[in-house]
Amino acid sequence: MLDIIAYLVVLTVAAIIFSIVFPNLRPLITGLVIIYLSLPIYLFIASLPIDFRLRIALQLIVFSFLIFIAFYITLKEYRRIRIMRKEQL
């Protein structure tokens, strides 16, 4: 449990530092944090005392949802950057 807390603290501190250093990339940093948060959630679901088929299905659903959110954020940010570059030309 302590290792998961340390992981979350390091992840949060790294996200804050990167957000300060690269303010234009905050949505991408948020997407990256969402992806890295999937590991503790995955481990939590793996430790639940339920049927293994339900655990696997729950892990797949949650992981797919988190990856979809991160993918959506990345595409939205890519579209914004592409529009900004077209306006500069």
N, C-alpha and C. Protein backbone atom coordinates (compact mmCIF):
# COMPACT_ATOMS: atom_id res chain seq x y z
N MET A 1 0.82 -1.20 0.00
CA MET A 1 0.00 0.00 0.00
C MET A 1 0.86 1.27 0.00
N LEU A 2 1.95 1.20 0.75
CA LEU A 2 2.84 2.35 0.83
C LEU A 2 3.49 2.65 -0.53
N ASP A 3 3.78 1.59 -1.28
CA ASP A 3 4.39 1.81 -2.58
C ASP A 3 3.43 2.47 -3.57
N ILE A 4 2.14 2.17 -3.47
CA ILE A 4 1.15 2.83 -4.34
C ILE A 4 1.01 4.30 -3.97
N ILE A 5 1.04 4.60 -2.68
CA ILE A 5 0.96 5.99 -2.24
C ILE A 5 2.19 6.77 -2.72
N ALA A 6 3.36 6.15 -2.60
CA ALA A 6 4.59 6.80 -3.08
C ALA A 6 4.52 7.02 -4.59
N TYR A 7 3.99 6.04 -5.33
CA TYR A 7 3.82 6.16 -6.78
C TYR A 7 2.92 7.33 -7.13
N LEU A 8 1.80 7.45 -6.42
CA LEU A 8 0.87 8.55 -6.69
C LEU A 8 1.46 9.90 -6.34
N VAL A 9 2.24 9.96 -5.26
CA VAL A 9 2.88 11.23 -4.87
C VAL A 9 3.91 11.64 -5.92
N VAL A 10 4.74 10.71 -6.34
CA VAL A 10 5.75 11.02 -7.37
C VAL A 10 5.08 11.42 -8.68
N LEU A 11 4.02 10.73 -9.04
CA LEU A 11 3.28 11.07 -10.26
C LEU A 11 2.69 12.47 -10.18
N THR A 12 2.11 12.81 -9.04
CA THR A 12 1.52 14.13 -8.87
C THR A 12 2.57 15.23 -8.91
N VAL A 13 3.67 15.02 -8.22
CA VAL A 13 4.75 16.03 -8.21
C VAL A 13 5.33 16.20 -9.61
N ALA A 14 5.54 15.10 -10.31
CA ALA A 14 6.07 15.19 -11.67
C ALA A 14 5.10 15.92 -12.59
N ALA A 15 3.81 15.65 -12.45
CA ALA A 15 2.81 16.33 -13.28
C ALA A 15 2.79 17.82 -12.99
N ILE A 16 2.89 18.19 -11.73
CA ILE A 16 2.90 19.62 -11.37
C ILE A 16 4.13 20.31 -11.94
N ILE A 17 5.29 19.67 -11.79
CA ILE A 17 6.53 20.27 -12.30
C ILE A 17 6.47 20.41 -13.82
N PHE A 18 6.02 19.37 -14.52
CA PHE A 18 5.92 19.46 -15.97
C PHE A 18 4.89 20.49 -16.40
N SER A 19 3.82 20.64 -15.65
CA SER A 19 2.81 21.65 -15.99
C SER A 19 3.37 23.06 -15.82
N ILE A 20 4.24 23.25 -14.85
CA ILE A 20 4.85 24.57 -14.65
C ILE A 20 5.88 24.85 -15.75
N VAL A 21 6.68 23.84 -16.07
CA VAL A 21 7.75 24.02 -17.06
C VAL A 21 7.18 24.15 -18.47
N PHE A 22 6.15 23.35 -18.79
CA PHE A 22 5.56 23.34 -20.12
C PHE A 22 4.07 23.70 -20.04
N PRO A 23 3.74 24.99 -19.87
CA PRO A 23 2.32 25.35 -19.69
C PRO A 23 1.46 25.10 -20.93
N ASN A 24 2.07 25.07 -22.12
CA ASN A 24 1.28 24.83 -23.34
C ASN A 24 0.87 23.37 -23.49
N LEU A 25 1.54 22.49 -22.77
CA LEU A 25 1.28 21.05 -22.93
C LEU A 25 0.48 20.48 -21.76
N ARG A 26 -0.22 21.29 -21.02
CA ARG A 26 -0.97 20.79 -19.86
C ARG A 26 -1.99 19.72 -20.20
N PRO A 27 -2.74 19.85 -21.30
CA PRO A 27 -3.68 18.75 -21.62
C PRO A 27 -2.97 17.42 -21.90
N LEU A 28 -1.83 17.46 -22.55
CA LEU A 28 -1.09 16.23 -22.81
C LEU A 28 -0.54 15.64 -21.52
N ILE A 29 -0.10 16.49 -20.62
CA ILE A 29 0.37 16.02 -19.32
C ILE A 29 -0.77 15.39 -18.54
N THR A 30 -1.95 15.98 -18.64
CA THR A 30 -3.13 15.41 -17.99
C THR A 30 -3.45 14.03 -18.56
N GLY A 31 -3.37 13.89 -19.86
CA GLY A 31 -3.59 12.58 -20.48
C GLY A 31 -2.57 11.55 -20.03
N LEU A 32 -1.33 11.97 -19.89
CA LEU A 32 -0.29 11.08 -19.41
C LEU A 32 -0.54 10.65 -17.97
N VAL A 33 -0.99 11.58 -17.15
CA VAL A 33 -1.30 11.26 -15.76
C VAL A 33 -2.46 10.26 -15.70
N ILE A 34 -3.44 10.42 -16.55
CA ILE A 34 -4.56 9.47 -16.58
C ILE A 34 -4.07 8.08 -16.95
N ILE A 35 -3.16 8.00 -17.89
CA ILE A 35 -2.62 6.69 -18.28
C ILE A 35 -1.85 6.07 -17.12
N TYR A 36 -1.04 6.87 -16.45
CA TYR A 36 -0.26 6.32 -15.34
C TYR A 36 -1.11 6.02 -14.11
N LEU A 37 -2.27 6.63 -14.00
CA LEU A 37 -3.18 6.30 -12.90
C LEU A 37 -3.87 4.96 -13.11
N SER A 38 -3.82 4.45 -14.31
CA SER A 38 -4.48 3.18 -14.57
C SER A 38 -3.78 2.02 -13.85
N LEU A 39 -2.49 2.13 -13.58
CA LEU A 39 -1.79 1.05 -12.88
C LEU A 39 -2.30 0.84 -11.46
N PRO A 40 -2.40 1.87 -10.61
CA PRO A 40 -2.95 1.62 -9.27
C PRO A 40 -4.40 1.14 -9.30
N ILE A 41 -5.17 1.64 -10.24
CA ILE A 41 -6.56 1.19 -10.36
C ILE A 41 -6.59 -0.28 -10.78
N TYR A 42 -5.73 -0.65 -11.71
CA TYR A 42 -5.63 -2.03 -12.16
C TYR A 42 -5.26 -2.95 -10.99
N LEU A 43 -4.28 -2.54 -10.19
CA LEU A 43 -3.86 -3.34 -9.04
C LEU A 43 -4.95 -3.42 -7.98
N PHE A 44 -5.69 -2.34 -7.79
CA PHE A 44 -6.78 -2.36 -6.83
C PHE A 44 -7.86 -3.35 -7.26
N ILE A 45 -8.21 -3.32 -8.52
CA ILE A 45 -9.23 -4.25 -9.02
C ILE A 45 -8.73 -5.69 -8.91
N ALA A 46 -7.43 -5.90 -9.14
CA ALA A 46 -6.87 -7.25 -9.04
C ALA A 46 -6.93 -7.79 -7.61
N SER A 47 -6.95 -6.91 -6.63
CA SER A 47 -6.98 -7.37 -5.23
C SER A 47 -8.39 -7.55 -4.68
N LEU A 48 -9.40 -7.25 -5.47
CA LEU A 48 -10.78 -7.40 -5.00
C LEU A 48 -11.13 -8.89 -4.85
N PRO A 49 -11.87 -9.23 -3.79
CA PRO A 49 -12.23 -10.64 -3.59
C PRO A 49 -13.50 -11.03 -4.34
N ILE A 50 -13.43 -10.99 -5.65
CA ILE A 50 -14.58 -11.36 -6.49
C ILE A 50 -14.13 -12.43 -7.49
N ASP A 51 -15.06 -12.93 -8.24
CA ASP A 51 -14.76 -13.95 -9.24
C ASP A 51 -13.73 -13.42 -10.24
N PHE A 52 -12.81 -14.30 -10.65
CA PHE A 52 -11.71 -13.84 -11.50
C PHE A 52 -12.21 -13.35 -12.86
N ARG A 53 -13.30 -13.92 -13.38
CA ARG A 53 -13.83 -13.45 -14.66
C ARG A 53 -14.37 -12.04 -14.55
N LEU A 54 -15.02 -11.75 -13.43
CA LEU A 54 -15.54 -10.40 -13.19
C LEU A 54 -14.39 -9.41 -13.02
N ARG A 55 -13.33 -9.84 -12.34
CA ARG A 55 -12.15 -8.97 -12.17
C ARG A 55 -11.53 -8.63 -13.53
N ILE A 56 -11.37 -9.64 -14.37
CA ILE A 56 -10.77 -9.40 -15.69
C ILE A 56 -11.65 -8.48 -16.52
N ALA A 57 -12.95 -8.72 -16.50
CA ALA A 57 -13.87 -7.86 -17.26
C ALA A 57 -13.83 -6.42 -16.73
N LEU A 58 -13.81 -6.27 -15.43
CA LEU A 58 -13.76 -4.93 -14.83
C LEU A 58 -12.46 -4.23 -15.17
N GLN A 59 -11.36 -4.96 -15.15
CA GLN A 59 -10.07 -4.37 -15.51
C GLN A 59 -10.07 -3.93 -16.97
N LEU A 60 -10.61 -4.75 -17.84
CA LEU A 60 -10.67 -4.37 -19.26
C LEU A 60 -11.54 -3.14 -19.49
N ILE A 61 -12.67 -3.09 -18.82
CA ILE A 61 -13.58 -1.95 -19.00
C ILE A 61 -12.93 -0.66 -18.49
N VAL A 62 -12.38 -0.71 -17.29
CA VAL A 62 -11.77 0.50 -16.71
C VAL A 62 -10.55 0.93 -17.52
N PHE A 63 -9.70 -0.03 -17.88
CA PHE A 63 -8.51 0.32 -18.65
C PHE A 63 -8.88 0.90 -20.01
N SER A 64 -9.86 0.32 -20.67
CA SER A 64 -10.31 0.83 -21.97
C SER A 64 -10.87 2.24 -21.84
N PHE A 65 -11.64 2.48 -20.79
CA PHE A 65 -12.20 3.81 -20.56
C PHE A 65 -11.10 4.85 -20.33
N LEU A 66 -10.10 4.50 -19.51
CA LEU A 66 -9.02 5.45 -19.24
C LEU A 66 -8.18 5.71 -20.49
N ILE A 67 -7.92 4.69 -21.27
CA ILE A 67 -7.17 4.88 -22.51
C ILE A 67 -7.97 5.72 -23.50
N PHE A 68 -9.29 5.50 -23.56
CA PHE A 68 -10.13 6.31 -24.43
C PHE A 68 -10.07 7.78 -24.04
N ILE A 69 -10.13 8.07 -22.75
CA ILE A 69 -10.05 9.47 -22.29
C ILE A 69 -8.71 10.08 -22.69
N ALA A 70 -7.62 9.36 -22.46
CA ALA A 70 -6.29 9.87 -22.81
C ALA A 70 -6.16 10.07 -24.32
N PHE A 71 -6.70 9.15 -25.10
CA PHE A 71 -6.66 9.27 -26.55
C PHE A 71 -7.46 10.47 -27.01
N TYR A 72 -8.62 10.70 -26.42
CA TYR A 72 -9.45 11.85 -26.76
C TYR A 72 -8.72 13.16 -26.45
N ILE A 73 -8.08 13.23 -25.29
CA ILE A 73 -7.34 14.44 -24.91
C ILE A 73 -6.20 14.67 -25.90
N THR A 74 -5.50 13.60 -26.29
CA THR A 74 -4.39 13.74 -27.22
C THR A 74 -4.87 14.22 -28.59
N LEU A 75 -5.96 13.65 -29.09
CA LEU A 75 -6.48 14.10 -30.39
C LEU A 75 -6.96 15.54 -30.34
N LYS A 76 -7.61 15.91 -29.27
CA LYS A 76 -8.08 17.29 -29.13
C LYS A 76 -6.91 18.27 -29.10
N GLU A 77 -5.86 17.92 -28.38
CA GLU A 77 -4.69 18.78 -28.30
C GLU A 77 -3.97 18.83 -29.65
N TYR A 78 -3.89 17.71 -30.34
CA TYR A 78 -3.27 17.68 -31.66
C TYR A 78 -4.02 18.59 -32.63
N ARG A 79 -5.33 18.53 -32.57
CA ARG A 79 -6.14 19.39 -33.44
C ARG A 79 -5.90 20.86 -33.12
N ARG A 80 -5.77 21.20 -31.84
CA ARG A 80 -5.52 22.59 -31.44
C ARG A 80 -4.15 23.05 -31.93
N ILE A 81 -3.15 22.21 -31.81
CA ILE A 81 -1.81 22.57 -32.26
C ILE A 81 -1.78 22.72 -33.78
N ARG A 82 -2.47 21.83 -34.49
CA ARG A 82 -2.52 21.92 -35.95
C ARG A 82 -3.19 23.20 -36.41
N ILE A 83 -4.26 23.60 -35.74
CA ILE A 83 -4.95 24.85 -36.09
C ILE A 83 -4.07 26.05 -35.81
N MET A 84 -3.34 26.02 -34.69
CA MET A 84 -2.45 27.13 -34.36
C MET A 84 -1.34 27.26 -35.41
N ARG A 85 -0.82 26.14 -35.88
CA ARG A 85 0.24 26.20 -36.89
C ARG A 85 -0.29 26.71 -38.23
N LYS A 86 -1.51 26.36 -38.59
CA LYS A 86 -2.09 26.87 -39.83
C LYS A 86 -2.29 28.38 -39.76
N GLU A 87 -2.65 28.89 -38.59
CA GLU A 87 -2.86 30.32 -38.43
C GLU A 87 -1.54 31.07 -38.51
N GLN A 88 -0.44 30.44 -38.11
CA GLN A 88 0.86 31.11 -38.16
C GLN A 88 1.38 31.23 -39.58
N LEU A 89 0.95 30.35 -40.46
CA LEU A 89 1.43 30.39 -41.84
C LEU A 89 0.74 31.43 -42.60
